[in-house]
């Protein structure tokens, strides 16, 4: 809840109304950094991902789908 309250009001409204972030985070496939790994790495937007996890934990409104920018090879 802290990170939502210290952001501009439109951020909190977006979470309450849509259950997701105002701007999608930026992720890349981990194999871009190390070919032997799998999964995604957050490059920009850690706070947004943290807010999402916190809202899930607190049983607050969270959308079933979210947008994210994903860089891949």
N, C-alpha and C. Protein backbone atom coordinates (compact mmCIF):
# COMPACT_ATOMS: atom_id res chain seq x y z
N UNK A 1 0.82 -1.19 0.00
CA UNK A 1 0.00 0.00 0.00
C UNK A 1 0.86 1.26 0.00
N UNK A 2 2.03 1.19 0.64
CA UNK A 2 2.91 2.36 0.71
C UNK A 2 3.28 2.87 -0.67
N UNK A 3 3.71 1.99 -1.56
CA UNK A 3 4.19 2.42 -2.87
C UNK A 3 3.08 3.03 -3.71
N UNK A 4 1.86 2.60 -3.51
CA UNK A 4 0.74 3.20 -4.24
C UNK A 4 0.45 4.60 -3.70
N UNK A 5 0.55 4.77 -2.40
CA UNK A 5 0.21 6.08 -1.80
C UNK A 5 1.25 7.15 -2.08
N UNK A 6 2.50 6.79 -2.35
CA UNK A 6 3.53 7.80 -2.61
C UNK A 6 3.66 8.12 -4.09
N UNK A 7 2.84 7.53 -4.92
CA UNK A 7 2.82 7.79 -6.37
C UNK A 7 1.71 8.81 -6.68
N UNK A 8 1.71 9.33 -7.91
CA UNK A 8 0.62 10.24 -8.31
C UNK A 8 -0.75 9.55 -8.16
N UNK A 9 -1.80 10.31 -7.91
CA UNK A 9 -3.13 9.74 -7.67
C UNK A 9 -3.62 8.81 -8.78
N UNK A 10 -3.23 9.06 -10.02
CA UNK A 10 -3.71 8.22 -11.12
C UNK A 10 -3.18 6.79 -11.00
N UNK A 11 -2.07 6.60 -10.33
CA UNK A 11 -1.53 5.25 -10.12
C UNK A 11 -2.47 4.47 -9.21
N UNK A 12 -2.86 5.07 -8.09
CA UNK A 12 -3.78 4.40 -7.16
C UNK A 12 -5.13 4.13 -7.82
N UNK A 13 -5.61 5.09 -8.61
CA UNK A 13 -6.89 4.89 -9.30
C UNK A 13 -6.82 3.73 -10.27
N UNK A 14 -5.71 3.60 -10.96
CA UNK A 14 -5.55 2.49 -11.92
C UNK A 14 -5.57 1.14 -11.20
N UNK A 15 -4.87 1.05 -10.06
CA UNK A 15 -4.88 -0.20 -9.29
C UNK A 15 -6.28 -0.52 -8.80
N UNK A 16 -6.99 0.48 -8.27
CA UNK A 16 -8.32 0.25 -7.74
C UNK A 16 -9.32 -0.11 -8.83
N UNK A 17 -9.27 0.60 -9.95
CA UNK A 17 -10.25 0.38 -11.01
C UNK A 17 -9.92 -0.84 -11.88
N UNK A 18 -8.66 -0.95 -12.28
CA UNK A 18 -8.27 -1.99 -13.24
C UNK A 18 -7.53 -3.17 -12.62
N UNK A 19 -7.03 -2.99 -11.41
CA UNK A 19 -6.31 -4.08 -10.75
C UNK A 19 -4.95 -4.39 -11.36
N UNK A 20 -4.37 -3.39 -12.01
CA UNK A 20 -3.06 -3.59 -12.63
C UNK A 20 -2.32 -2.25 -12.69
N UNK A 21 -1.11 -2.28 -13.20
CA UNK A 21 -0.26 -1.09 -13.24
C UNK A 21 -0.67 -0.14 -14.35
N UNK A 22 -0.32 1.13 -14.16
CA UNK A 22 -0.58 2.17 -15.14
C UNK A 22 0.36 1.99 -16.33
N UNK A 23 1.63 1.71 -16.06
CA UNK A 23 2.62 1.48 -17.11
C UNK A 23 3.21 0.09 -16.93
N UNK A 24 3.26 -0.69 -18.01
CA UNK A 24 3.80 -2.06 -17.91
C UNK A 24 5.28 -2.06 -17.54
N UNK A 25 5.72 -3.03 -16.74
CA UNK A 25 7.14 -3.16 -16.44
C UNK A 25 7.89 -3.71 -17.66
N UNK A 26 9.20 -3.58 -17.63
CA UNK A 26 10.07 -4.06 -18.70
C UNK A 26 10.81 -5.29 -18.21
N UNK A 27 10.67 -6.39 -18.93
CA UNK A 27 11.33 -7.65 -18.58
C UNK A 27 12.12 -8.15 -19.78
N UNK A 28 13.09 -9.01 -19.52
CA UNK A 28 13.80 -9.69 -20.61
C UNK A 28 13.87 -11.18 -20.28
N UNK A 29 14.07 -11.96 -21.30
CA UNK A 29 14.30 -13.38 -21.06
C UNK A 29 15.69 -13.52 -20.46
N UNK A 30 15.80 -14.31 -19.40
CA UNK A 30 17.06 -14.45 -18.67
C UNK A 30 18.17 -15.03 -19.54
N UNK A 31 17.80 -15.83 -20.54
CA UNK A 31 18.83 -16.44 -21.39
C UNK A 31 19.60 -15.39 -22.20
N UNK A 32 19.08 -14.14 -22.27
CA UNK A 32 19.84 -13.07 -22.90
C UNK A 32 21.07 -12.73 -22.06
N UNK A 33 20.95 -12.90 -20.74
CA UNK A 33 22.07 -12.64 -19.84
C UNK A 33 22.95 -13.88 -19.65
N UNK A 34 22.29 -15.04 -19.61
CA UNK A 34 23.01 -16.29 -19.40
C UNK A 34 22.25 -17.38 -20.16
N UNK A 35 22.84 -17.90 -21.23
CA UNK A 35 22.14 -18.89 -22.07
C UNK A 35 21.69 -20.15 -21.32
N UNK A 36 22.26 -20.42 -20.16
CA UNK A 36 21.91 -21.63 -19.41
C UNK A 36 20.73 -21.41 -18.44
N UNK A 37 20.13 -20.23 -18.45
CA UNK A 37 19.03 -19.96 -17.53
C UNK A 37 17.71 -19.81 -18.28
N UNK A 38 16.63 -19.86 -17.55
CA UNK A 38 15.30 -19.71 -18.13
C UNK A 38 14.49 -18.75 -17.28
N UNK A 39 13.38 -18.28 -17.80
CA UNK A 39 12.50 -17.40 -17.06
C UNK A 39 12.68 -15.95 -17.46
N UNK A 40 12.07 -15.07 -16.70
CA UNK A 40 12.10 -13.64 -16.98
C UNK A 40 12.85 -12.89 -15.89
N UNK A 41 13.47 -11.78 -16.27
CA UNK A 41 14.18 -10.89 -15.35
C UNK A 41 13.56 -9.51 -15.46
N UNK A 42 13.14 -8.93 -14.33
CA UNK A 42 12.59 -7.57 -14.34
C UNK A 42 13.74 -6.59 -14.49
N UNK A 43 13.68 -5.75 -15.52
CA UNK A 43 14.70 -4.71 -15.71
C UNK A 43 14.24 -3.38 -15.14
N UNK A 44 12.99 -3.05 -15.34
CA UNK A 44 12.43 -1.78 -14.86
C UNK A 44 11.01 -2.05 -14.45
N UNK A 45 10.66 -1.70 -13.25
CA UNK A 45 9.30 -1.90 -12.77
C UNK A 45 9.21 -2.82 -11.57
N UNK A 46 10.29 -2.95 -10.82
CA UNK A 46 10.27 -3.82 -9.64
C UNK A 46 9.21 -3.41 -8.63
N UNK A 47 9.04 -2.11 -8.47
CA UNK A 47 8.03 -1.65 -7.52
C UNK A 47 6.64 -2.07 -7.98
N UNK A 48 6.38 -1.96 -9.30
CA UNK A 48 5.06 -2.37 -9.83
C UNK A 48 4.82 -3.84 -9.58
N UNK A 49 5.83 -4.65 -9.79
CA UNK A 49 5.69 -6.09 -9.54
C UNK A 49 5.49 -6.34 -8.05
N UNK A 50 6.19 -5.58 -7.21
CA UNK A 50 6.02 -5.70 -5.76
C UNK A 50 4.63 -5.32 -5.31
N UNK A 51 4.08 -4.25 -5.91
CA UNK A 51 2.72 -3.84 -5.57
C UNK A 51 1.74 -4.95 -5.95
N UNK A 52 1.93 -5.54 -7.12
CA UNK A 52 1.07 -6.64 -7.56
C UNK A 52 1.11 -7.79 -6.56
N UNK A 53 2.30 -8.18 -6.15
CA UNK A 53 2.43 -9.28 -5.19
C UNK A 53 1.79 -8.92 -3.85
N UNK A 54 1.98 -7.68 -3.40
CA UNK A 54 1.38 -7.24 -2.14
C UNK A 54 -0.14 -7.22 -2.20
N UNK A 55 -0.69 -6.76 -3.31
CA UNK A 55 -2.15 -6.74 -3.47
C UNK A 55 -2.71 -8.15 -3.47
N UNK A 56 -2.02 -9.08 -4.10
CA UNK A 56 -2.45 -10.47 -4.08
C UNK A 56 -2.45 -11.00 -2.65
N UNK A 57 -1.37 -10.72 -1.92
CA UNK A 57 -1.24 -11.18 -0.54
C UNK A 57 -2.33 -10.61 0.35
N UNK A 58 -2.71 -9.36 0.11
CA UNK A 58 -3.72 -8.68 0.94
C UNK A 58 -5.14 -8.90 0.42
N UNK A 59 -5.30 -9.71 -0.59
CA UNK A 59 -6.61 -10.03 -1.17
C UNK A 59 -7.33 -8.78 -1.68
N UNK A 60 -6.56 -7.85 -2.26
CA UNK A 60 -7.13 -6.66 -2.87
C UNK A 60 -7.39 -6.93 -4.35
N UNK A 61 -8.14 -6.06 -4.99
CA UNK A 61 -8.49 -6.25 -6.40
C UNK A 61 -7.23 -6.32 -7.26
N UNK A 62 -7.11 -7.44 -7.98
CA UNK A 62 -6.00 -7.65 -8.91
C UNK A 62 -6.59 -8.24 -10.19
N UNK A 63 -6.23 -7.67 -11.32
CA UNK A 63 -6.70 -8.16 -12.61
C UNK A 63 -6.17 -9.57 -12.87
N UNK A 64 -6.85 -10.30 -13.73
CA UNK A 64 -6.41 -11.66 -14.08
C UNK A 64 -5.34 -11.63 -15.17
N UNK A 65 -5.22 -10.51 -15.88
CA UNK A 65 -4.20 -10.36 -16.92
C UNK A 65 -3.51 -9.01 -16.76
N UNK A 66 -2.22 -8.97 -17.12
CA UNK A 66 -1.41 -7.75 -17.01
C UNK A 66 -0.54 -7.62 -18.25
N UNK A 67 -0.24 -6.41 -18.62
CA UNK A 67 0.66 -6.16 -19.74
C UNK A 67 2.07 -5.99 -19.22
N UNK A 68 3.02 -6.42 -20.04
CA UNK A 68 4.44 -6.22 -19.74
C UNK A 68 5.19 -6.18 -21.05
N UNK A 69 6.23 -5.39 -21.10
CA UNK A 69 7.13 -5.39 -22.25
C UNK A 69 8.17 -6.46 -22.01
N UNK A 70 8.34 -7.38 -22.95
CA UNK A 70 9.29 -8.47 -22.79
C UNK A 70 10.26 -8.47 -23.96
N UNK A 71 11.55 -8.34 -23.63
CA UNK A 71 12.59 -8.44 -24.65
C UNK A 71 13.06 -9.88 -24.76
N UNK A 72 13.13 -10.37 -25.98
CA UNK A 72 13.56 -11.75 -26.19
C UNK A 72 14.44 -11.82 -27.42
N UNK A 73 15.26 -12.87 -27.51
CA UNK A 73 16.17 -12.99 -28.65
C UNK A 73 15.43 -13.29 -29.95
